[in-house]
Structure formats: structure tokens, C-alpha cells
Amino acid sequence: MFDVYLNDRRDLLVVRNGLPIPFHEVSGKWRKKKKVTAVSQDIKLVVQRQGYYMRKLTDFKR
């Protein structure tokens, strides 16, 4: 249902299954996680609204 990617800075990117990474919005080297069982309801809503969800690890390091 969703593809989840991580980059070298451990930022998180979630897109709908089979869609490409939105390169105009996010840059960097992304690698796909092997298996994802579920994502939260909040992330699902954001993906439906804007096509992807991105979270930076630095947002939670305060």
C-alpha cells in the first residue's frame, strides 16, 4: 500500500505504492525499506492529500 524510504540522514519519506519519489520536493539519496506492515492514520491522510509524507529526523532531536 505504501513505499517507505530512508536517506543517509535517516529522514523518512512515504509515498503510495508504485509511485516515483517526488524529486522536485525532496532531494538526496533514498533507499527503500524492505518491508512495511503499516503506517499511522496521520501519515495516510497526508499521503492522500499531498502525494507523499516526509519527516526529518532533526525535527525530533530537541
Protein backbone atom coordinates (compact mmCIF):
# COMPACT_ATOMS: atom_id res chain seq x y z
CA MET A 1 0.00 0.00 0.00
CA PHE A 2 2.88 2.40 0.80
CA ASP A 3 6.59 2.54 -0.03
CA VAL A 4 8.83 3.84 2.75
CA TYR A 5 12.28 5.29 2.07
CA LEU A 6 15.16 6.41 4.30
CA ASN A 7 18.11 8.59 3.33
CA ASP A 8 21.62 8.79 4.73
CA ARG A 9 20.48 11.35 7.37
CA ARG A 10 17.68 8.90 8.42
CA ASP A 11 14.91 11.18 7.14
CA LEU A 12 11.66 9.37 6.34
CA LEU A 13 9.72 9.52 3.07
CA VAL A 14 6.41 7.72 2.45
CA VAL A 15 4.74 7.53 -1.00
CA ARG A 16 1.90 5.48 -2.43
CA ASN A 17 2.95 2.01 -3.60
CA GLY A 18 4.47 2.13 -7.09
CA LEU A 19 4.70 5.92 -7.41
CA PRO A 20 8.09 7.58 -8.01
CA ILE A 21 9.84 9.75 -5.44
CA PRO A 22 8.83 13.41 -5.93
CA PHE A 23 12.32 14.71 -6.83
CA HIS A 24 11.16 18.32 -7.19
CA GLU A 25 10.17 18.32 -3.50
CA VAL A 26 12.83 16.10 -1.92
CA SER A 27 16.45 15.59 -2.83
CA GLY A 28 19.16 13.24 -1.70
CA LYS A 29 19.93 9.56 -1.90
CA TRP A 30 16.93 7.49 -0.78
CA ARG A 31 16.84 3.73 -0.17
CA LYS A 32 13.68 1.71 0.08
CA LYS A 33 12.82 -0.19 3.27
CA LYS A 34 12.37 -3.90 2.69
CA LYS A 35 9.03 -4.44 4.40
CA VAL A 36 6.44 -2.13 5.92
CA THR A 37 3.42 -3.57 7.65
CA ALA A 38 1.50 -0.40 8.48
CA VAL A 39 1.68 3.38 8.68
CA SER A 40 -0.24 5.67 11.02
CA GLN A 41 -3.57 7.22 10.13
CA ASP A 42 -1.98 10.70 10.15
CA ILE A 43 0.59 9.65 7.55
CA LYS A 44 -2.13 8.06 5.39
CA LEU A 45 -4.09 11.32 5.38
CA VAL A 46 -1.04 13.40 4.43
CA VAL A 47 -0.16 11.00 1.58
CA GLN A 48 -3.73 11.17 0.28
CA ARG A 49 -3.70 14.97 0.42
CA GLN A 50 -0.26 15.86 -0.98
CA GLY A 51 1.00 12.60 -2.54
CA TYR A 52 3.85 11.99 -0.10
CA TYR A 53 4.86 12.37 3.56
CA MET A 54 8.34 13.47 4.64
CA ARG A 55 9.76 13.81 8.13
CA LYS A 56 13.24 14.94 9.03
CA LEU A 57 14.98 13.23 11.94
CA THR A 58 16.15 16.64 13.17
CA ASP A 59 12.50 17.60 13.81
CA PHE A 60 12.52 15.22 16.81
CA LYS A 61 16.02 15.86 18.22
CA ARG A 62 15.18 18.76 20.52
